[in-house]
Protein backbone atom coordinates (compact mmCIF):
# COMPACT_ATOMS: atom_id res chain seq x y z
CA LYS A 1 13.39 -65.75 -20.87
CA THR A 2 15.91 -64.04 -18.64
CA ASP A 3 18.76 -64.73 -21.11
CA PHE A 4 16.73 -63.12 -23.90
CA ILE A 5 15.96 -60.03 -21.84
CA ASN A 6 19.65 -59.71 -20.93
CA PHE A 7 20.63 -60.19 -24.55
CA ILE A 8 18.46 -57.18 -25.50
CA SER A 9 19.12 -54.92 -22.50
CA ASP A 10 22.91 -55.47 -22.52
CA GLN A 11 22.93 -54.90 -26.33
CA GLU A 12 24.80 -58.13 -26.95
CA TRP A 13 23.04 -58.31 -30.31
CA LYS A 14 25.45 -55.66 -31.63
CA SER A 15 28.38 -58.11 -31.42
CA ILE A 16 26.71 -60.65 -33.74
CA GLU A 17 27.74 -60.51 -37.37
CA PRO A 18 24.81 -60.14 -39.84
CA VAL A 19 23.96 -62.98 -42.18
CA SER A 20 25.47 -62.52 -45.63
CA SER A 21 23.08 -61.55 -48.38
CA TRP A 22 23.83 -64.85 -50.09
CA PHE A 23 22.13 -66.74 -47.23
CA GLY A 24 19.41 -64.19 -46.54
CA PRO A 25 15.80 -65.34 -46.68
CA SER A 26 15.08 -63.47 -49.90
CA SER A 27 18.26 -64.53 -51.76
CA PHE A 28 18.14 -66.67 -54.89
CA LEU A 29 19.71 -69.59 -53.02
CA MET A 30 17.13 -69.64 -50.25
CA SER A 31 14.24 -69.04 -52.67
CA SER A 32 15.41 -72.03 -54.71
CA MET A 33 15.70 -74.13 -51.58
CA SER A 34 12.15 -73.14 -50.61
CA ALA A 35 10.90 -74.09 -54.11
CA LEU A 36 12.53 -77.52 -53.77
CA PHE A 37 10.84 -78.09 -50.41
CA GLN A 38 7.48 -77.04 -51.84
CA LEU A 39 8.04 -79.38 -54.80
CA SER A 40 8.80 -82.27 -52.44
CA MET A 41 5.58 -81.57 -50.51
CA TRP A 42 3.62 -81.46 -53.76
CA ILE A 43 5.12 -84.79 -54.83
CA ARG A 44 4.26 -86.27 -51.44
CA HIS A 45 0.67 -85.02 -51.80
CA CYS A 46 0.40 -86.48 -55.31
CA HIS A 47 1.81 -89.82 -54.09
CA GLY A 48 -0.77 -89.91 -51.31
CA TYR A 49 -3.55 -89.07 -53.80
CA LEU A 50 -2.44 -91.75 -56.26
CA THR A 51 -2.15 -94.48 -53.63
CA GLU A 52 -5.14 -93.61 -51.42
CA ASN A 53 -7.78 -92.12 -53.74
CA VAL A 54 -6.95 -93.61 -57.15
CA GLY A 55 -5.86 -96.99 -55.74
CA ILE A 56 -2.56 -97.30 -57.55
CA PRO A 57 -0.07 -99.48 -55.66
CA VAL A 58 2.96 -97.77 -54.14
CA TRP A 59 5.30 -99.24 -56.77
CA GLY A 60 2.96 -97.93 -59.47
CA SER A 61 3.14 -94.43 -57.98
CA TYR A 62 6.92 -94.68 -57.95
CA ALA A 63 6.83 -95.79 -61.59
CA VAL A 64 4.67 -92.76 -62.52
CA PHE A 65 7.16 -90.39 -60.88
CA ALA A 66 10.13 -92.20 -62.48
CA LEU A 67 8.55 -91.86 -65.90
CA ALA A 68 7.69 -88.21 -65.28
CA THR A 69 11.31 -87.60 -64.25
CA LEU A 70 12.66 -89.35 -67.32
CA PHE A 71 10.23 -87.54 -69.62
CA SER A 72 11.01 -84.11 -68.17
CA GLY A 73 14.73 -84.85 -68.45
CA LEU A 74 14.24 -85.91 -72.07
CA ILE A 75 12.37 -82.69 -72.87
CA LEU A 76 14.96 -80.51 -71.13
CA GLY A 77 17.78 -82.38 -72.85
CA LEU A 78 16.17 -81.92 -76.24
CA VAL A 79 15.58 -78.23 -75.67
CA SER A 80 19.06 -77.53 -74.38
CA GLY A 81 20.70 -79.90 -76.89
CA ASN A 82 18.88 -78.31 -79.78
CA ARG A 83 19.99 -74.89 -78.68
CA LEU A 84 23.62 -75.98 -78.39
CA SER A 85 23.61 -77.60 -81.81
CA CYS A 86 22.18 -74.46 -83.37
CA ASP A 87 24.96 -72.36 -81.78
CA TYR A 88 27.57 -74.57 -83.46
CA CYS A 89 25.80 -74.44 -86.82
CA VAL A 90 25.87 -70.67 -87.10
């Protein structure tokens, strides 16, 4: 507590360099990082729901998430691949 009070009263805070805007809390990088953490918590919640409430074994829950990952990658690949092939056709 004393160190904090001295930090403020002696104005030591003026000697600290500010955080760059790239690493600020509202930057794209930090917003993306926050979204990834929220996604991981949602996946954890879904895993708990599937194993505890639905009764799917743990390996079955992992299989569901693996298939969802493969399917979403397939869809994203088809969408981006289709766009690239159309750019070369024109």
